[in-house]
């Protein structure tokens, strides 16, 4: 089923509605849909490298707004809808761990989930369920999701379609390394100063 969804998502890159499909995919993925928007973002950007930053912006806006829908699902509909979405991804037992992350790190948990391959939708729903400050949630989402999508769009804009294999192979590893370095920097600042 996921392979069919993946191919369906990719087919939008070959239509005149690719930009709208990217927006809707980014929106849906942030709250319930399983296929990440990076797939379509890369396909569109490789097809038109000069528009890759525009595609990154469209993807970012869709993802941030979709994250707000995820927050709303967690805030008002956790028992009816939110629990089902989280269970679909097999992450039900992790909800208490996510709550502990929110209690300890607040917006950092959203930021890390928004930038890395961690299922962002689970964190958006959990943020609403645990009543994380909405303005902080939106700010952390805007920074992390934009950073992720503009990294992809920027690489394609600068290096052209040849960078696609590198992005496909190393994006998740680079995202994780960036977050580890970011956290290490904050830990060092905390203990050194």
Protein backbone atom coordinates (compact mmCIF):
# COMPACT_ATOMS: atom_id res chain seq x y z
CA UNK A 1 0.00 0.00 0.00
CA UNK A 2 2.79 2.45 0.87
CA UNK A 3 4.52 1.82 -2.47
CA UNK A 4 1.29 2.70 -4.30
CA UNK A 5 0.92 5.87 -2.21
CA UNK A 6 4.55 6.75 -2.87
CA UNK A 7 4.11 6.36 -6.63
CA UNK A 8 0.86 8.31 -6.52
CA UNK A 9 2.63 11.16 -4.73
CA UNK A 10 5.46 11.16 -7.27
CA UNK A 11 3.10 11.29 -10.23
CA UNK A 12 2.04 14.80 -9.17
CA UNK A 13 5.49 16.11 -10.13
CA UNK A 14 4.56 15.43 -13.76
CA UNK A 15 1.31 17.40 -13.68
CA UNK A 16 0.59 21.14 -13.78
CA UNK A 17 -0.86 20.78 -10.26
CA UNK A 18 2.43 19.75 -8.65
CA UNK A 19 2.76 22.88 -6.50
CA UNK A 20 -0.74 22.48 -5.04
CA UNK A 21 -0.12 18.77 -4.53
CA UNK A 22 3.09 19.62 -2.66
CA UNK A 23 1.22 22.04 -0.39
CA UNK A 24 -1.54 19.50 0.32
CA UNK A 25 0.93 16.66 0.86
CA UNK A 26 2.98 18.73 3.32
CA UNK A 27 -0.23 19.76 5.09
CA UNK A 28 -1.54 16.18 5.35
CA UNK A 29 1.81 14.64 6.33
CA UNK A 30 2.12 16.94 9.33
CA UNK A 31 -1.05 15.56 10.87
CA UNK A 32 -1.90 12.12 9.46
CA UNK A 33 -0.51 11.10 6.03
CA UNK A 34 2.40 8.59 5.93
CA UNK A 35 4.42 9.81 2.90
CA UNK A 36 6.81 12.70 3.66
CA UNK A 37 6.64 15.74 1.38
CA UNK A 38 10.39 15.57 0.74
CA UNK A 39 9.64 12.99 -1.97
CA UNK A 40 7.55 15.40 -4.05
CA UNK A 41 9.67 18.42 -3.11
CA UNK A 42 12.78 16.72 -4.51
CA UNK A 43 10.97 15.58 -7.67
CA UNK A 44 9.59 19.06 -8.37
CA UNK A 45 12.86 20.84 -7.54
CA UNK A 46 14.94 18.50 -9.69
CA UNK A 47 12.52 19.13 -12.57
CA UNK A 48 12.88 22.92 -12.17
CA UNK A 49 15.95 23.76 -10.02
CA UNK A 50 15.38 27.53 -10.34
CA UNK A 51 12.00 27.08 -8.60
CA UNK A 52 13.35 24.87 -5.83
CA UNK A 53 13.27 27.64 -3.19
CA UNK A 54 9.67 28.45 -4.13
CA UNK A 55 8.82 24.75 -3.69
CA UNK A 56 10.60 24.74 -0.32
CA UNK A 57 8.47 27.72 0.77
CA UNK A 58 5.23 26.06 -0.38
CA UNK A 59 6.22 22.86 1.42
CA UNK A 60 7.11 24.76 4.61
CA UNK A 61 3.84 26.69 4.72
CA UNK A 62 1.79 23.55 4.06
CA UNK A 63 3.68 21.64 6.75
CA UNK A 64 3.33 24.38 9.37
CA UNK A 65 -0.41 24.71 8.73
CA UNK A 66 -0.79 20.92 8.76
CA UNK A 67 1.07 20.85 12.05
CA UNK A 68 -1.56 23.24 13.41
CA UNK A 69 -4.22 20.74 12.33
CA UNK A 70 -2.29 18.00 14.13
CA UNK A 71 -2.18 20.21 17.22
CA UNK A 72 -5.96 20.72 16.96
CA UNK A 73 -6.50 16.96 16.63
CA UNK A 74 -4.49 16.36 19.80
CA UNK A 75 -6.10 19.24 21.68
CA UNK A 76 -9.75 18.47 20.96
CA UNK A 77 -9.94 15.03 19.36
CA UNK A 78 -7.20 12.94 20.98
CA UNK A 79 -9.47 10.13 22.12
CA UNK A 80 -11.42 9.91 18.86
CA UNK A 81 -8.85 10.61 16.16
CA UNK A 82 -5.43 11.30 17.67
CA UNK A 83 -5.04 7.92 19.36
CA UNK A 84 -5.94 6.15 16.09
CA UNK A 85 -3.37 8.07 14.08
CA UNK A 86 -0.65 7.40 16.64
CA UNK A 87 -1.62 3.71 16.84
CA UNK A 88 -1.49 3.46 13.01
CA UNK A 89 2.21 4.32 13.18
CA UNK A 90 2.78 1.87 16.03
CA UNK A 91 3.82 4.62 18.41
CA UNK A 92 1.09 4.31 21.05
CA UNK A 93 3.51 3.07 23.74
CA UNK A 94 5.81 6.04 23.02
CA UNK A 95 3.24 8.71 23.92
CA UNK A 96 4.29 8.82 27.57
CA UNK A 97 7.92 9.18 26.43
CA UNK A 98 6.90 12.03 24.12
CA UNK A 99 5.10 13.66 27.06
CA UNK A 100 8.31 13.44 29.10
CA UNK A 101 10.21 15.07 26.23
CA UNK A 102 7.67 17.90 26.12
CA UNK A 103 7.81 18.34 29.89
CA UNK A 104 11.59 18.56 29.81
CA UNK A 105 12.32 20.27 26.49
CA UNK A 106 9.07 21.95 25.39
CA UNK A 107 9.65 23.56 22.00
CA UNK A 108 12.93 21.72 21.44
CA UNK A 109 11.01 18.44 21.13
CA UNK A 110 8.88 19.96 18.35
CA UNK A 111 11.93 21.46 16.68
CA UNK A 112 13.87 18.22 16.64
CA UNK A 113 10.90 16.22 15.39
CA UNK A 114 10.26 18.83 12.70
CA UNK A 115 13.78 18.66 11.31
CA UNK A 116 14.66 14.99 11.65
CA UNK A 117 13.04 11.83 10.23
CA UNK A 118 11.08 11.34 13.48
CA UNK A 119 7.35 11.15 12.59
CA UNK A 120 6.45 14.83 12.93
CA UNK A 121 2.69 14.13 12.94
CA UNK A 122 2.97 12.23 16.22
CA UNK A 123 4.63 15.26 17.82
CA UNK A 124 2.06 17.71 16.44
CA UNK A 125 -0.81 15.63 17.82
CA UNK A 126 0.98 15.10 21.13
CA UNK A 127 1.72 18.85 21.40
CA UNK A 128 -2.03 19.54 21.32
CA UNK A 129 -2.83 16.69 23.68
CA UNK A 130 -0.28 17.91 26.24
CA UNK A 131 -1.31 21.57 25.79
CA UNK A 132 2.10 22.86 24.71
CA UNK A 133 2.03 26.63 24.23
CA UNK A 134 0.56 27.13 20.75
CA UNK A 135 2.70 30.17 19.79
CA UNK A 136 5.86 28.31 20.85
CA UNK A 137 4.68 25.24 18.94
CA UNK A 138 4.11 27.28 15.76
CA UNK A 139 7.47 29.05 16.07
CA UNK A 140 9.38 25.80 16.64
CA UNK A 141 7.51 24.17 13.75
CA UNK A 142 8.20 27.11 11.44
CA UNK A 143 11.91 27.08 12.19
CA UNK A 144 12.44 23.33 12.01
CA UNK A 145 10.22 22.52 9.03
CA UNK A 146 11.50 25.48 7.02
CA UNK A 147 15.10 24.53 7.81
CA UNK A 148 14.50 20.98 6.59
CA UNK A 149 12.75 21.92 3.35
CA UNK A 150 14.98 24.88 2.52
CA UNK A 151 18.02 22.66 3.05
CA UNK A 152 16.71 20.31 0.36
CA UNK A 153 15.53 23.14 -1.93
CA UNK A 154 18.73 25.11 -1.42
CA UNK A 155 20.98 22.16 -2.26
CA UNK A 156 19.09 21.55 -5.48
CA UNK A 157 19.05 25.27 -6.30
CA UNK A 158 22.84 25.54 -5.82
CA UNK A 159 24.02 22.18 -7.17
CA UNK A 160 21.24 21.27 -9.60
CA UNK A 161 19.67 17.87 -10.20
CA UNK A 162 22.98 16.03 -9.67
CA UNK A 163 22.64 16.50 -5.91
CA UNK A 164 19.49 14.34 -5.76
CA UNK A 165 21.38 11.08 -5.12
CA UNK A 166 23.28 12.72 -2.27
CA UNK A 167 20.05 14.06 -0.71
CA UNK A 168 18.28 10.72 -1.09
CA UNK A 169 21.16 8.92 0.57
CA UNK A 170 22.26 11.29 3.32
CA UNK A 171 19.43 13.72 4.24
CA UNK A 172 18.27 11.81 7.31
CA UNK A 173 21.83 11.21 8.53
CA UNK A 174 22.69 14.88 8.03
CA UNK A 175 19.54 15.98 9.88
CA UNK A 176 20.36 13.74 12.83
CA UNK A 177 24.00 14.89 12.89
CA UNK A 178 22.88 18.54 12.83
CA UNK A 179 20.53 18.00 15.77
CA UNK A 180 23.20 16.13 17.76
CA UNK A 181 25.66 18.96 17.17
CA UNK A 182 23.02 21.56 18.07
CA UNK A 183 22.20 19.79 21.35
CA UNK A 184 25.88 19.28 22.13
CA UNK A 185 26.44 23.01 21.60
CA UNK A 186 23.68 23.93 24.04
CA UNK A 187 24.95 21.43 26.60
CA UNK A 188 28.45 22.84 26.27
CA UNK A 189 27.15 26.41 26.71
CA UNK A 190 25.12 25.36 29.75
CA UNK A 191 28.07 23.71 31.52
CA UNK A 192 30.84 26.05 30.40
CA UNK A 193 29.03 29.32 31.12
